[in-house]
Amino acid sequence: MSPNRDSITAMTEAVQAFHDKHDLKGRGGEDLAYRVALMAEELGEISACVTKGKDTESLAEECADLLILLMGTAIAADFSLDKAFWAKMEKLMTRESRMINGRIRVSEFRT
């Protein structure tokens, strides 16, 4: 039986297998500052897809790259992205939204 490919657990296991295959932990690939730089690079590639009007397939691939890096960062920092996601969603669902410069924002809106 194949794993549920929609499961965050299966996705995390796949990213862990990638880390293991390339010994990211032993070769500096799990250094958090390095990972932040890689995520910034991927976010730039996502931005380029949007600003240059690239197709959805290109955007999806760049978003997948960022998701893989985020999941790998959770592995490197030893926290559950699944638990962090649900804890954050609970906070977000209690927040009010505001229109700022014609666009919706959902934030803590500190005064």
N, C-alpha and C. Protein backbone atom coordinates (compact mmCIF):
# COMPACT_ATOMS: atom_id res chain seq x y z
N MET A 1 0.85 -1.19 0.00
CA MET A 1 0.00 0.00 0.00
C MET A 1 0.89 1.24 0.00
N SER A 2 0.60 2.19 -0.87
CA SER A 2 1.40 3.40 -0.93
C SER A 2 0.95 4.38 0.16
N PRO A 3 1.88 5.22 0.63
CA PRO A 3 1.52 6.18 1.68
C PRO A 3 0.56 7.22 1.14
N ASN A 4 -0.19 7.83 2.05
CA ASN A 4 -1.09 8.92 1.69
C ASN A 4 -0.24 10.12 1.30
N ARG A 5 -0.17 10.42 0.01
CA ARG A 5 0.69 11.49 -0.48
C ARG A 5 0.16 12.88 -0.09
N ASP A 6 -1.05 12.96 0.46
CA ASP A 6 -1.59 14.24 0.92
C ASP A 6 -1.28 14.48 2.39
N SER A 7 -0.66 13.53 3.03
CA SER A 7 -0.38 13.61 4.45
C SER A 7 0.89 14.41 4.71
N ILE A 8 0.83 15.33 5.66
CA ILE A 8 2.03 16.09 6.02
C ILE A 8 3.08 15.14 6.59
N THR A 9 2.64 14.06 7.23
CA THR A 9 3.59 13.08 7.75
C THR A 9 4.37 12.43 6.61
N ALA A 10 3.69 12.02 5.56
CA ALA A 10 4.37 11.41 4.42
C ALA A 10 5.30 12.41 3.74
N MET A 11 4.86 13.65 3.65
CA MET A 11 5.70 14.69 3.03
C MET A 11 6.95 14.92 3.87
N THR A 12 6.79 14.99 5.18
CA THR A 12 7.93 15.19 6.08
C THR A 12 8.89 14.01 6.00
N GLU A 13 8.35 12.80 5.92
CA GLU A 13 9.20 11.62 5.79
C GLU A 13 10.00 11.66 4.49
N ALA A 14 9.39 12.15 3.41
CA ALA A 14 10.10 12.27 2.14
C ALA A 14 11.23 13.30 2.24
N VAL A 15 10.96 14.42 2.90
CA VAL A 15 12.01 15.44 3.09
C VAL A 15 13.12 14.89 3.98
N GLN A 16 12.74 14.13 5.03
CA GLN A 16 13.75 13.52 5.89
C GLN A 16 14.62 12.55 5.09
N ALA A 17 14.00 11.77 4.21
CA ALA A 17 14.76 10.84 3.37
C ALA A 17 15.74 11.60 2.47
N PHE A 18 15.32 12.75 1.95
CA PHE A 18 16.20 13.59 1.14
C PHE A 18 17.38 14.08 1.98
N HIS A 19 17.10 14.54 3.21
CA HIS A 19 18.17 14.99 4.12
C HIS A 19 19.14 13.86 4.39
N ASP A 20 18.60 12.68 4.66
CA ASP A 20 19.45 11.52 4.95
C ASP A 20 20.29 11.13 3.73
N LYS A 21 19.67 11.09 2.56
CA LYS A 21 20.36 10.69 1.34
C LYS A 21 21.59 11.57 1.08
N HIS A 22 21.44 12.87 1.31
CA HIS A 22 22.52 13.81 1.02
C HIS A 22 23.30 14.23 2.27
N ASP A 23 23.04 13.57 3.40
CA ASP A 23 23.70 13.88 4.68
C ASP A 23 23.71 15.38 4.96
N LEU A 24 22.54 16.02 4.81
CA LEU A 24 22.46 17.45 5.04
C LEU A 24 22.90 17.83 6.45
N LYS A 25 22.55 17.01 7.43
CA LYS A 25 22.91 17.32 8.82
C LYS A 25 24.43 17.34 8.98
N GLY A 26 25.11 16.39 8.38
CA GLY A 26 26.55 16.29 8.53
C GLY A 26 27.35 17.20 7.62
N ARG A 27 26.68 17.81 6.63
CA ARG A 27 27.40 18.60 5.63
C ARG A 27 26.95 20.07 5.60
N GLY A 28 26.36 20.54 6.69
CA GLY A 28 26.01 21.96 6.80
C GLY A 28 24.67 22.34 6.21
N GLY A 29 23.95 21.37 5.66
CA GLY A 29 22.67 21.68 5.03
C GLY A 29 21.53 21.92 5.99
N GLU A 30 21.76 21.65 7.28
CA GLU A 30 20.71 21.91 8.27
C GLU A 30 21.04 23.13 9.12
N ASP A 31 22.09 23.88 8.77
CA ASP A 31 22.41 25.12 9.46
C ASP A 31 21.27 26.11 9.23
N LEU A 32 20.72 26.64 10.30
CA LEU A 32 19.51 27.45 10.18
C LEU A 32 19.73 28.74 9.40
N ALA A 33 20.86 29.40 9.60
CA ALA A 33 21.12 30.64 8.85
C ALA A 33 21.22 30.34 7.34
N TYR A 34 21.84 29.24 7.01
CA TYR A 34 21.94 28.82 5.61
C TYR A 34 20.56 28.54 5.04
N ARG A 35 19.71 27.90 5.82
CA ARG A 35 18.36 27.57 5.38
C ARG A 35 17.54 28.83 5.15
N VAL A 36 17.71 29.83 6.01
CA VAL A 36 17.00 31.10 5.84
C VAL A 36 17.41 31.74 4.51
N ALA A 37 18.69 31.69 4.19
CA ALA A 37 19.16 32.25 2.92
C ALA A 37 18.54 31.50 1.74
N LEU A 38 18.47 30.18 1.85
CA LEU A 38 17.85 29.40 0.78
C LEU A 38 16.36 29.72 0.64
N MET A 39 15.67 29.91 1.77
CA MET A 39 14.25 30.25 1.70
C MET A 39 14.04 31.63 1.09
N ALA A 40 14.93 32.58 1.41
CA ALA A 40 14.84 33.91 0.80
C ALA A 40 15.03 33.82 -0.71
N GLU A 41 15.97 32.98 -1.12
CA GLU A 41 16.20 32.77 -2.55
C GLU A 41 14.96 32.21 -3.24
N GLU A 42 14.34 31.22 -2.62
CA GLU A 42 13.13 30.62 -3.19
C GLU A 42 11.99 31.62 -3.22
N LEU A 43 11.86 32.44 -2.18
CA LEU A 43 10.81 33.46 -2.18
C LEU A 43 11.03 34.45 -3.32
N GLY A 44 12.29 34.76 -3.60
CA GLY A 44 12.60 35.61 -4.74
C GLY A 44 12.18 34.97 -6.05
N GLU A 45 12.35 33.65 -6.15
CA GLU A 45 11.94 32.95 -7.37
C GLU A 45 10.42 32.92 -7.50
N ILE A 46 9.72 32.81 -6.38
CA ILE A 46 8.26 32.89 -6.39
C ILE A 46 7.84 34.28 -6.86
N SER A 47 8.47 35.29 -6.32
CA SER A 47 8.17 36.67 -6.71
C SER A 47 8.40 36.88 -8.21
N ALA A 48 9.49 36.32 -8.72
CA ALA A 48 9.78 36.46 -10.15
C ALA A 48 8.69 35.79 -10.99
N CYS A 49 8.19 34.67 -10.54
CA CYS A 49 7.11 34.00 -11.28
C CYS A 49 5.89 34.91 -11.38
N VAL A 50 5.56 35.58 -10.27
CA VAL A 50 4.38 36.45 -10.25
C VAL A 50 4.63 37.72 -11.06
N THR A 51 5.74 38.37 -10.80
CA THR A 51 5.97 39.67 -11.45
C THR A 51 6.28 39.53 -12.94
N LYS A 52 6.81 38.39 -13.35
CA LYS A 52 7.12 38.18 -14.77
C LYS A 52 6.03 37.41 -15.50
N GLY A 53 4.92 37.14 -14.79
CA GLY A 53 3.78 36.49 -15.43
C GLY A 53 4.04 35.07 -15.90
N LYS A 54 4.90 34.35 -15.16
CA LYS A 54 5.19 32.96 -15.55
C LYS A 54 3.96 32.09 -15.32
N ASP A 55 3.96 30.93 -15.93
CA ASP A 55 2.80 30.04 -15.84
C ASP A 55 2.65 29.44 -14.44
N THR A 56 1.46 28.92 -14.19
CA THR A 56 1.13 28.35 -12.89
C THR A 56 2.02 27.17 -12.53
N GLU A 57 2.43 26.39 -13.52
CA GLU A 57 3.31 25.25 -13.27
C GLU A 57 4.65 25.71 -12.68
N SER A 58 5.19 26.79 -13.20
CA SER A 58 6.45 27.35 -12.67
C SER A 58 6.26 27.86 -11.25
N LEU A 59 5.15 28.56 -11.02
CA LEU A 59 4.85 29.07 -9.69
C LEU A 59 4.70 27.91 -8.70
N ALA A 60 3.99 26.87 -9.11
CA ALA A 60 3.78 25.71 -8.23
C ALA A 60 5.11 25.05 -7.87
N GLU A 61 6.00 24.94 -8.84
CA GLU A 61 7.30 24.31 -8.57
C GLU A 61 8.11 25.13 -7.56
N GLU A 62 8.09 26.45 -7.72
CA GLU A 62 8.84 27.30 -6.78
C GLU A 62 8.21 27.26 -5.39
N CYS A 63 6.88 27.22 -5.33
CA CYS A 63 6.20 27.10 -4.03
C CYS A 63 6.55 25.76 -3.37
N ALA A 64 6.63 24.69 -4.17
CA ALA A 64 7.01 23.39 -3.63
C ALA A 64 8.43 23.43 -3.08
N ASP A 65 9.34 24.12 -3.79
CA ASP A 65 10.71 24.27 -3.28
C ASP A 65 10.70 24.93 -1.91
N LEU A 66 9.92 26.00 -1.76
CA LEU A 66 9.86 26.70 -0.48
C LEU A 66 9.25 25.81 0.60
N LEU A 67 8.20 25.08 0.26
CA LEU A 67 7.58 24.18 1.23
C LEU A 67 8.57 23.11 1.69
N ILE A 68 9.33 22.54 0.76
CA ILE A 68 10.34 21.53 1.10
C ILE A 68 11.38 22.13 2.04
N LEU A 69 11.80 23.36 1.75
CA LEU A 69 12.77 24.01 2.65
C LEU A 69 12.17 24.29 4.02
N LEU A 70 10.91 24.71 4.07
CA LEU A 70 10.25 24.93 5.36
C LEU A 70 10.16 23.63 6.16
N MET A 71 9.79 22.56 5.49
CA MET A 71 9.69 21.28 6.17
C MET A 71 11.07 20.81 6.64
N GLY A 72 12.08 21.04 5.82
CA GLY A 72 13.44 20.69 6.21
C GLY A 72 13.94 21.53 7.37
N THR A 73 13.50 22.77 7.45
CA THR A 73 13.87 23.62 8.57
C THR A 73 13.26 23.10 9.86
N ALA A 74 12.03 22.61 9.80
CA ALA A 74 11.42 21.99 10.97
C ALA A 74 12.21 20.76 11.40
N ILE A 75 12.67 19.99 10.43
CA ILE A 75 13.50 18.83 10.74
C ILE A 75 14.80 19.29 11.40
N ALA A 76 15.47 20.28 10.80
CA ALA A 76 16.75 20.76 11.31
C ALA A 76 16.63 21.35 12.71
N ALA A 77 15.52 22.06 12.96
CA ALA A 77 15.33 22.71 14.27
C ALA A 77 14.59 21.81 15.26
N ASP A 78 14.20 20.62 14.81
CA ASP A 78 13.56 19.62 15.65
C ASP A 78 12.25 20.10 16.27
N PHE A 79 11.35 20.56 15.40
CA PHE A 79 10.00 20.86 15.86
C PHE A 79 9.00 20.28 14.87
N SER A 80 7.78 20.10 15.33
CA SER A 80 6.72 19.56 14.49
C SER A 80 6.05 20.70 13.73
N LEU A 81 6.24 20.71 12.42
CA LEU A 81 5.59 21.73 11.60
C LEU A 81 4.08 21.57 11.66
N ASP A 82 3.62 20.35 11.73
CA ASP A 82 2.19 20.06 11.84
C ASP A 82 1.62 20.73 13.09
N LYS A 83 2.24 20.52 14.23
CA LYS A 83 1.76 21.13 15.48
C LYS A 83 1.86 22.65 15.43
N ALA A 84 2.97 23.16 14.89
CA ALA A 84 3.15 24.61 14.78
C ALA A 84 2.08 25.22 13.88
N PHE A 85 1.77 24.53 12.78
CA PHE A 85 0.74 25.01 11.86
C PHE A 85 -0.60 25.15 12.58
N TRP A 86 -1.03 24.09 13.27
CA TRP A 86 -2.34 24.13 13.91
C TRP A 86 -2.40 25.12 15.06
N ALA A 87 -1.29 25.26 15.81
CA ALA A 87 -1.26 26.26 16.88
C ALA A 87 -1.39 27.67 16.30
N LYS A 88 -0.72 27.93 15.20
CA LYS A 88 -0.80 29.25 14.57
C LYS A 88 -2.18 29.50 13.97
N MET A 89 -2.77 28.47 13.34
CA MET A 89 -4.11 28.63 12.78
C MET A 89 -5.12 28.98 13.87
N GLU A 90 -4.98 28.35 15.03
CA GLU A 90 -5.90 28.68 16.14
C GLU A 90 -5.78 30.16 16.51
N LYS A 91 -4.55 30.68 16.56
CA LYS A 91 -4.36 32.11 16.86
C LYS A 91 -4.96 32.98 15.75
N LEU A 92 -4.67 32.62 14.50
CA LEU A 92 -5.15 33.43 13.38
C LEU A 92 -6.67 33.49 13.33
N MET A 93 -7.32 32.40 13.66
CA MET A 93 -8.78 32.36 13.60
C MET A 93 -9.44 33.26 14.65
N THR A 94 -8.70 33.69 15.67
CA THR A 94 -9.26 34.58 16.69
C THR A 94 -9.06 36.05 16.35
N ARG A 95 -8.26 36.33 15.33
CA ARG A 95 -7.93 37.71 14.99
C ARG A 95 -8.98 38.36 14.12
N GLU A 96 -9.05 39.67 14.27
CA GLU A 96 -9.91 40.49 13.42
C GLU A 96 -9.12 40.84 12.16
N SER A 97 -9.83 41.24 11.13
CA SER A 97 -9.17 41.70 9.91
C SER A 97 -9.46 43.18 9.71
N ARG A 98 -8.57 43.81 8.96
CA ARG A 98 -8.74 45.22 8.62
C ARG A 98 -8.37 45.40 7.15
N MET A 99 -8.97 46.42 6.57
CA MET A 99 -8.58 46.82 5.22
C MET A 99 -7.52 47.90 5.37
N ILE A 100 -6.37 47.68 4.76
CA ILE A 100 -5.27 48.63 4.80
C ILE A 100 -4.82 48.86 3.36
N ASN A 101 -4.91 50.10 2.93
CA ASN A 101 -4.56 50.45 1.55
C ASN A 101 -5.29 49.58 0.54
N GLY A 102 -6.56 49.32 0.82
CA GLY A 102 -7.39 48.58 -0.12
C GLY A 102 -7.22 47.08 -0.12
N ARG A 103 -6.44 46.56 0.84
CA ARG A 103 -6.22 45.10 0.91
C ARG A 103 -6.44 44.62 2.33
N ILE A 104 -6.93 43.40 2.44
CA ILE A 104 -7.22 42.85 3.75
C ILE A 104 -5.94 42.43 4.47
N ARG A 105 -5.89 42.69 5.76
CA ARG A 105 -4.79 42.25 6.62
C ARG A 105 -5.39 41.59 7.85
N VAL A 106 -4.80 40.51 8.25
CA VAL A 106 -5.17 39.84 9.50
C VAL A 106 -3.90 39.78 10.31
N SER A 107 -3.85 40.59 11.35
CA SER A 107 -2.63 40.73 12.14
C SER A 107 -3.02 41.01 13.58
N GLU A 108 -2.01 41.13 14.44
CA GLU A 108 -2.29 41.47 15.84
C GLU A 108 -2.63 42.94 15.99
N PHE A 109 -2.25 43.76 15.04
CA PHE A 109 -2.52 45.20 15.04
C PHE A 109 -2.20 45.84 16.39
N ARG A 110 -0.95 45.79 16.73
CA ARG A 110 -0.49 46.41 18.00
C ARG A 110 -0.65 47.93 17.90
N THR A 111 -1.09 48.51 18.98
CA THR A 111 -1.25 49.99 18.98
C THR A 111 -0.30 50.64 19.94
